[in-house]
């Protein structure tokens, strides 16, 4: 089953302004949440400049990869 059927991407920006004008201390959050349980599977705190690129890459892989393959690919980039 495709990953986008099992997981949802949630992006929370800490400010309303564009990333280029963001406060250097601003931290955005990107989450991958299991649809059935509502539990967070993957989580990142990102700088505003990284948030859009990360979200775009995650959306692409959610649409193209199987659920297990998606988690294997992105779990190595999760900081713990």
C-alpha atoms as a PDB file:
ATOM      1  CA  UNK A   1       0.000   0.000   0.000  1.00  0.00           C
ATOM      2  CA  UNK A   2       1.267   3.484  -0.825  1.00  0.00           C
ATOM      3  CA  UNK A   3       2.652   5.471   2.069  1.00  0.00           C
ATOM      4  CA  UNK A   4       0.213   8.353   1.540  1.00  0.00           C
ATOM      5  CA  UNK A   5      -2.639   5.967   2.435  1.00  0.00           C
ATOM      6  CA  UNK A   6      -1.075   5.121   5.790  1.00  0.00           C
ATOM      7  CA  UNK A   7       0.704   8.347   6.767  1.00  0.00           C
ATOM      8  CA  UNK A   8      -0.137  12.036   6.815  1.00  0.00           C
ATOM      9  CA  UNK A   9       2.305  14.935   6.529  1.00  0.00           C
ATOM     10  CA  UNK A  10       1.813  17.780   9.012  1.00  0.00           C
ATOM     11  CA  UNK A  11       3.883  20.972   8.757  1.00  0.00           C
ATOM     12  CA  UNK A  12       3.745  23.552  11.556  1.00  0.00           C
ATOM     13  CA  UNK A  13       5.430  26.849  10.919  1.00  0.00           C
ATOM     14  CA  UNK A  14       6.347  28.940  13.950  1.00  0.00           C
ATOM     15  CA  UNK A  15       5.721  32.194  12.082  1.00  0.00           C
ATOM     16  CA  UNK A  16       3.576  33.576   9.324  1.00  0.00           C
ATOM     17  CA  UNK A  17       6.278  35.334   7.331  1.00  0.00           C
ATOM     18  CA  UNK A  18       8.407  33.937   4.527  1.00  0.00           C
ATOM     19  CA  UNK A  19      11.432  31.824   5.386  1.00  0.00           C
ATOM     20  CA  UNK A  20      13.846  34.386   3.941  1.00  0.00           C
ATOM     21  CA  UNK A  21      12.680  36.996   6.461  1.00  0.00           C
ATOM     22  CA  UNK A  22      12.245  34.641   9.416  1.00  0.00           C
ATOM     23  CA  UNK A  23      13.824  35.214  12.801  1.00  0.00           C
ATOM     24  CA  UNK A  24      17.056  33.152  13.004  1.00  0.00           C
ATOM     25  CA  UNK A  25      15.745  31.457  16.153  1.00  0.00           C
ATOM     26  CA  UNK A  26      12.488  30.304  14.554  1.00  0.00           C
ATOM     27  CA  UNK A  27      11.969  26.539  14.496  1.00  0.00           C
ATOM     28  CA  UNK A  28       9.328  24.865  12.326  1.00  0.00           C
ATOM     29  CA  UNK A  29       8.075  21.312  12.842  1.00  0.00           C
ATOM     30  CA  UNK A  30       7.498  18.574  10.289  1.00  0.00           C
ATOM     31  CA  UNK A  31       5.690  15.376  11.316  1.00  0.00           C
ATOM     32  CA  UNK A  32       4.664  12.137   9.667  1.00  0.00           C
ATOM     33  CA  UNK A  33       1.607  10.777  11.494  1.00  0.00           C
ATOM     34  CA  UNK A  34       0.007   7.331  11.207  1.00  0.00           C
ATOM     35  CA  UNK A  35      -3.545   7.883   9.978  1.00  0.00           C
ATOM     36  CA  UNK A  36      -5.088   4.909  11.802  1.00  0.00           C
ATOM     37  CA  UNK A  37      -3.586   5.545  15.243  1.00  0.00           C
ATOM     38  CA  UNK A  38      -2.751   9.246  15.169  1.00  0.00           C
ATOM     39  CA  UNK A  39       0.736   8.493  16.499  1.00  0.00           C
ATOM     40  CA  UNK A  40       3.794  10.362  15.262  1.00  0.00           C
ATOM     41  CA  UNK A  41       6.024   8.068  13.197  1.00  0.00           C
ATOM     42  CA  UNK A  42       8.686  10.636  12.217  1.00  0.00           C
ATOM     43  CA  UNK A  43       9.418  14.131  13.512  1.00  0.00           C
ATOM     44  CA  UNK A  44      11.836  16.933  12.652  1.00  0.00           C
ATOM     45  CA  UNK A  45      12.520  20.410  14.043  1.00  0.00           C
ATOM     46  CA  UNK A  46      13.699  22.442  11.053  1.00  0.00           C
ATOM     47  CA  UNK A  47      15.021  25.863  10.202  1.00  0.00           C
ATOM     48  CA  UNK A  48      12.523  27.851   8.105  1.00  0.00           C
ATOM     49  CA  UNK A  49      14.707  27.568   4.991  1.00  0.00           C
ATOM     50  CA  UNK A  50      14.676  23.753   5.243  1.00  0.00           C
ATOM     51  CA  UNK A  51      10.976  23.261   5.954  1.00  0.00           C
ATOM     52  CA  UNK A  52       9.634  23.721   2.438  1.00  0.00           C
ATOM     53  CA  UNK A  53      12.290  21.512   0.835  1.00  0.00           C
ATOM     54  CA  UNK A  54      11.785  18.751   3.386  1.00  0.00           C
ATOM     55  CA  UNK A  55       7.993  18.866   3.062  1.00  0.00           C
ATOM     56  CA  UNK A  56       8.204  18.721  -0.742  1.00  0.00           C
ATOM     57  CA  UNK A  57      10.539  15.700  -0.648  1.00  0.00           C
ATOM     58  CA  UNK A  58       8.315  13.928   1.883  1.00  0.00           C
ATOM     59  CA  UNK A  59       5.182  14.547  -0.213  1.00  0.00           C
ATOM     60  CA  UNK A  60       6.879  13.112  -3.287  1.00  0.00           C
ATOM     61  CA  UNK A  61       8.016   9.981  -1.467  1.00  0.00           C
ATOM     62  CA  UNK A  62       4.643   9.534   0.260  1.00  0.00           C
ATOM     63  CA  UNK A  63       2.997   9.400  -3.165  1.00  0.00           C
ATOM     64  CA  UNK A  64       5.573   7.111  -4.798  1.00  0.00           C
ATOM     65  CA  UNK A  65       6.835   4.652  -2.173  1.00  0.00           C
ATOM     66  CA  UNK A  66       5.263   1.774  -0.302  1.00  0.00           C
ATOM     67  CA  UNK A  67       4.713   2.424   3.422  1.00  0.00           C
ATOM     68  CA  UNK A  68       7.557   0.212   4.702  1.00  0.00           C
ATOM     69  CA  UNK A  69      10.037   1.539   2.166  1.00  0.00           C
ATOM     70  CA  UNK A  70       9.075   5.130   3.004  1.00  0.00           C
ATOM     71  CA  UNK A  71       9.745   4.618   6.715  1.00  0.00           C
ATOM     72  CA  UNK A  72      13.076   2.885   6.081  1.00  0.00           C
ATOM     73  CA  UNK A  73      14.208   5.707   3.810  1.00  0.00           C
ATOM     74  CA  UNK A  74      13.250   8.575   6.105  1.00  0.00           C
ATOM     75  CA  UNK A  75      13.924   7.059   9.540  1.00  0.00           C
ATOM     76  CA  UNK A  76      17.674   7.422   8.997  1.00  0.00           C
ATOM     77  CA  UNK A  77      17.244  11.215   8.690  1.00  0.00           C
ATOM     78  CA  UNK A  78      15.242  11.559  11.875  1.00  0.00           C
ATOM     79  CA  UNK A  79      17.255  13.148  14.680  1.00  0.00           C
ATOM     80  CA  UNK A  80      16.732  11.651  18.113  1.00  0.00           C
END
